[in-house]
Amino acid sequence: MLRRTRRQFTDSIDMLRAKDLRKYADVFTSDGERIGVTLRFVHRPIEDVNEKLRLYRTYLVVQSILLGGPAYVPTNYVAGYDPAANRVDLAVDLNHLEEETWNREPDFVVRGLGVYEELPE
């Protein structure tokens, strides 16, 4: 059995689950740009997580025309979710988002190691 040897940041994913994040919630950057809608979570195997190398545990999959298809946003970068507005707010602006490689499918997903968690509609 694998045990966590270092602290795992779960605050954002726990908050999203507690607030019952829904599929197709609108996703906005910190500067107010709508980038798309939520689809699901995908989880990296715990033994491959390394925050320093930006290998995050959980990603929110966002369908985004603006970014050219699915974007894989680490849940660490989710600032909040408003269930009444069905709106997810990210902690980064559009410029930061464009500098990251979040519009590429992570390697663990490509290798078939991702565990998907579907969002309720």
C-alpha atoms as a PDB file:
ATOM      1  CA  MET A   1       0.000   0.000   0.000  1.00  0.00           C
ATOM      2  CA  LEU A   2       1.285   3.457  -0.860  1.00  0.00           C
ATOM      3  CA  ARG A   3       1.303   6.125   1.796  1.00  0.00           C
ATOM      4  CA  ARG A   4       1.673   9.838   1.316  1.00  0.00           C
ATOM      5  CA  THR A   5       5.184  10.919   2.184  1.00  0.00           C
ATOM      6  CA  ARG A   6       4.564  14.617   1.658  1.00  0.00           C
ATOM      7  CA  ARG A   7       1.648  16.979   2.022  1.00  0.00           C
ATOM      8  CA  GLN A   8      -0.869  16.855  -0.827  1.00  0.00           C
ATOM      9  CA  PHE A   9      -2.845  19.990  -1.619  1.00  0.00           C
ATOM     10  CA  THR A  10      -6.482  18.950  -1.753  1.00  0.00           C
ATOM     11  CA  ASP A  11      -8.249  22.133  -0.669  1.00  0.00           C
ATOM     12  CA  SER A  12      -9.546  23.036  -4.143  1.00  0.00           C
ATOM     13  CA  ILE A  13     -10.799  19.572  -5.082  1.00  0.00           C
ATOM     14  CA  ASP A  14     -12.420  19.171  -1.660  1.00  0.00           C
ATOM     15  CA  MET A  15     -14.104  22.571  -2.018  1.00  0.00           C
ATOM     16  CA  LEU A  16     -15.379  21.710  -5.507  1.00  0.00           C
ATOM     17  CA  ARG A  17     -16.788  18.393  -4.307  1.00  0.00           C
ATOM     18  CA  ALA A  18     -18.357  19.955  -1.203  1.00  0.00           C
ATOM     19  CA  LYS A  19     -20.082  22.578  -3.358  1.00  0.00           C
ATOM     20  CA  ASP A  20     -21.244  19.872  -5.800  1.00  0.00           C
ATOM     21  CA  LEU A  21     -19.473  21.154  -8.917  1.00  0.00           C
ATOM     22  CA  ARG A  22     -21.630  20.444 -11.970  1.00  0.00           C
ATOM     23  CA  LYS A  23     -20.724  19.506 -15.504  1.00  0.00           C
ATOM     24  CA  TYR A  24     -20.872  22.436 -17.957  1.00  0.00           C
ATOM     25  CA  ALA A  25     -20.168  25.090 -15.300  1.00  0.00           C
ATOM     26  CA  ASP A  26     -18.672  28.225 -16.866  1.00  0.00           C
ATOM     27  CA  VAL A  27     -14.941  28.700 -16.179  1.00  0.00           C
ATOM     28  CA  PHE A  28     -13.444  32.196 -15.892  1.00  0.00           C
ATOM     29  CA  THR A  29      -9.887  33.453 -15.453  1.00  0.00           C
ATOM     30  CA  SER A  30      -9.020  35.909 -12.686  1.00  0.00           C
ATOM     31  CA  ASP A  31      -9.250  38.759 -15.223  1.00  0.00           C
ATOM     32  CA  GLY A  32     -12.813  37.815 -16.183  1.00  0.00           C
ATOM     33  CA  GLU A  33     -12.259  35.901 -19.450  1.00  0.00           C
ATOM     34  CA  ARG A  34     -14.619  32.968 -20.001  1.00  0.00           C
ATOM     35  CA  ILE A  35     -12.452  30.093 -21.235  1.00  0.00           C
ATOM     36  CA  GLY A  36     -14.981  27.258 -21.421  1.00  0.00           C
ATOM     37  CA  VAL A  37     -17.042  24.747 -19.436  1.00  0.00           C
ATOM     38  CA  THR A  38     -16.199  21.978 -16.969  1.00  0.00           C
ATOM     39  CA  LEU A  39     -16.323  18.355 -18.086  1.00  0.00           C
ATOM     40  CA  ARG A  40     -14.699  16.101 -15.467  1.00  0.00           C
ATOM     41  CA  PHE A  41     -11.735  15.579 -13.143  1.00  0.00           C
ATOM     42  CA  VAL A  42      -8.761  13.399 -14.014  1.00  0.00           C
ATOM     43  CA  HIS A  43      -6.418  12.151 -11.275  1.00  0.00           C
ATOM     44  CA  ARG A  44      -2.713  11.343 -11.616  1.00  0.00           C
ATOM     45  CA  PRO A  45      -1.391   8.234  -9.818  1.00  0.00           C
ATOM     46  CA  ILE A  46      -0.305   9.388  -6.354  1.00  0.00           C
ATOM     47  CA  GLU A  47       3.212   7.989  -6.756  1.00  0.00           C
ATOM     48  CA  ASP A  48       3.793  10.255  -9.792  1.00  0.00           C
ATOM     49  CA  VAL A  49       2.766  13.515  -8.095  1.00  0.00           C
ATOM     50  CA  ASN A  50       5.546  16.094  -7.777  1.00  0.00           C
ATOM     51  CA  GLU A  51       4.457  19.698  -7.185  1.00  0.00           C
ATOM     52  CA  LYS A  52       7.973  21.058  -7.812  1.00  0.00           C
ATOM     53  CA  LEU A  53       7.946  19.543 -11.307  1.00  0.00           C
ATOM     54  CA  ARG A  54       4.352  20.729 -11.813  1.00  0.00           C
ATOM     55  CA  LEU A  55       3.054  17.154 -11.889  1.00  0.00           C
ATOM     56  CA  TYR A  56      -0.206  17.843 -10.065  1.00  0.00           C
ATOM     57  CA  ARG A  57      -2.534  15.272  -8.514  1.00  0.00           C
ATOM     58  CA  THR A  58      -5.889  16.392  -9.971  1.00  0.00           C
ATOM     59  CA  TYR A  59      -6.857  18.343 -13.069  1.00  0.00           C
ATOM     60  CA  LEU A  60     -10.180  19.906 -14.001  1.00  0.00           C
ATOM     61  CA  VAL A  61     -10.875  19.140 -17.656  1.00  0.00           C
ATOM     62  CA  VAL A  62     -12.338  22.232 -19.339  1.00  0.00           C
ATOM     63  CA  GLN A  63     -13.754  22.194 -22.868  1.00  0.00           C
ATOM     64  CA  SER A  64     -12.429  25.411 -24.366  1.00  0.00           C
ATOM     65  CA  ILE A  65     -12.860  26.877 -27.830  1.00  0.00           C
ATOM     66  CA  LEU A  66     -10.579  29.734 -26.759  1.00  0.00           C
ATOM     67  CA  LEU A  67      -7.734  27.294 -26.002  1.00  0.00           C
ATOM     68  CA  GLY A  68      -8.465  25.038 -28.970  1.00  0.00           C
ATOM     69  CA  GLY A  69     -10.051  22.047 -27.226  1.00  0.00           C
ATOM     70  CA  PRO A  70      -9.776  20.400 -23.829  1.00  0.00           C
ATOM     71  CA  ALA A  71      -7.642  22.174 -21.234  1.00  0.00           C
ATOM     72  CA  TYR A  72      -6.303  20.387 -18.161  1.00  0.00           C
ATOM     73  CA  VAL A  73      -6.283  22.946 -15.333  1.00  0.00           C
ATOM     74  CA  PRO A  74      -4.657  21.777 -12.090  1.00  0.00           C
ATOM     75  CA  THR A  75      -7.234  22.096  -9.320  1.00  0.00           C
ATOM     76  CA  ASN A  76      -4.584  23.953  -7.276  1.00  0.00           C
ATOM     77  CA  TYR A  77      -5.341  26.905  -9.578  1.00  0.00           C
ATOM     78  CA  VAL A  78      -9.084  26.959  -8.892  1.00  0.00           C
ATOM     79  CA  ALA A  79      -9.933  29.945  -6.700  1.00  0.00           C
ATOM     80  CA  GLY A  80     -13.614  29.196  -6.150  1.00  0.00           C
ATOM     81  CA  TYR A  81     -16.950  27.894  -7.331  1.00  0.00           C
ATOM     82  CA  ASP A  82     -20.318  29.645  -7.082  1.00  0.00           C
ATOM     83  CA  PRO A  83     -23.069  26.992  -7.293  1.00  0.00           C
ATOM     84  CA  ALA A  84     -25.833  29.592  -7.745  1.00  0.00           C
ATOM     85  CA  ALA A  85     -24.128  31.042 -10.826  1.00  0.00           C
ATOM     86  CA  ASN A  86     -22.632  27.653 -11.816  1.00  0.00           C
ATOM     87  CA  ARG A  87     -19.312  29.467 -12.232  1.00  0.00           C
ATOM     88  CA  VAL A  88     -15.729  28.379 -11.560  1.00  0.00           C
ATOM     89  CA  ASP A  89     -13.148  31.111 -11.015  1.00  0.00           C
ATOM     90  CA  LEU A  90      -9.473  30.411 -11.582  1.00  0.00           C
ATOM     91  CA  ALA A  91      -6.636  31.969  -9.593  1.00  0.00           C
ATOM     92  CA  VAL A  92      -4.717  32.886 -12.772  1.00  0.00           C
ATOM     93  CA  ASP A  93      -5.309  35.356 -15.578  1.00  0.00           C
ATOM     94  CA  LEU A  94      -5.543  34.583 -19.286  1.00  0.00           C
ATOM     95  CA  ASN A  95      -1.887  35.513 -19.932  1.00  0.00           C
ATOM     96  CA  HIS A  96      -0.702  33.001 -17.327  1.00  0.00           C
ATOM     97  CA  LEU A  97      -3.051  30.368 -18.710  1.00  0.00           C
ATOM     98  CA  GLU A  98      -1.662  30.848 -22.228  1.00  0.00           C
ATOM     99  CA  GLU A  99       1.931  30.518 -20.934  1.00  0.00           C
ATOM    100  CA  GLU A 100       1.195  27.115 -19.387  1.00  0.00           C
ATOM    101  CA  THR A 101       0.836  23.895 -21.387  1.00  0.00           C
ATOM    102  CA  TRP A 102      -2.600  23.140 -19.966  1.00  0.00           C
ATOM    103  CA  ASN A 103      -4.064  22.856 -23.472  1.00  0.00           C
ATOM    104  CA  ARG A 104      -2.032  19.648 -23.911  1.00  0.00           C
ATOM    105  CA  GLU A 105      -3.138  16.267 -22.622  1.00  0.00           C
ATOM    106  CA  PRO A 106      -0.903  15.328 -19.644  1.00  0.00           C
ATOM    107  CA  ASP A 107       1.474  12.409 -20.194  1.00  0.00           C
ATOM    108  CA  PHE A 108      -0.201  10.199 -17.589  1.00  0.00           C
ATOM    109  CA  VAL A 109      -3.526  10.576 -19.432  1.00  0.00           C
ATOM    110  CA  VAL A 110      -1.906   9.715 -22.769  1.00  0.00           C
ATOM    111  CA  ARG A 111      -0.381   6.585 -21.179  1.00  0.00           C
ATOM    112  CA  GLY A 112      -3.814   5.516 -19.902  1.00  0.00           C
ATOM    113  CA  LEU A 113      -2.945   5.994 -16.215  1.00  0.00           C
ATOM    114  CA  GLY A 114      -5.487   8.726 -15.455  1.00  0.00           C
ATOM    115  CA  VAL A 115      -8.480   8.006 -13.262  1.00  0.00           C
ATOM    116  CA  TYR A 116     -11.515   9.936 -14.485  1.00  0.00           C
ATOM    117  CA  GLU A 117     -14.174  11.312 -12.153  1.00  0.00           C
ATOM    118  CA  GLU A 118     -17.268  12.439 -14.013  1.00  0.00           C
ATOM    119  CA  LEU A 119     -19.146  15.516 -12.836  1.00  0.00           C
ATOM    120  CA  PRO A 120     -22.914  15.345 -12.279  1.00  0.00           C
ATOM    121  CA  GLU A 121     -25.084  17.272 -14.755  1.00  0.00           C
END
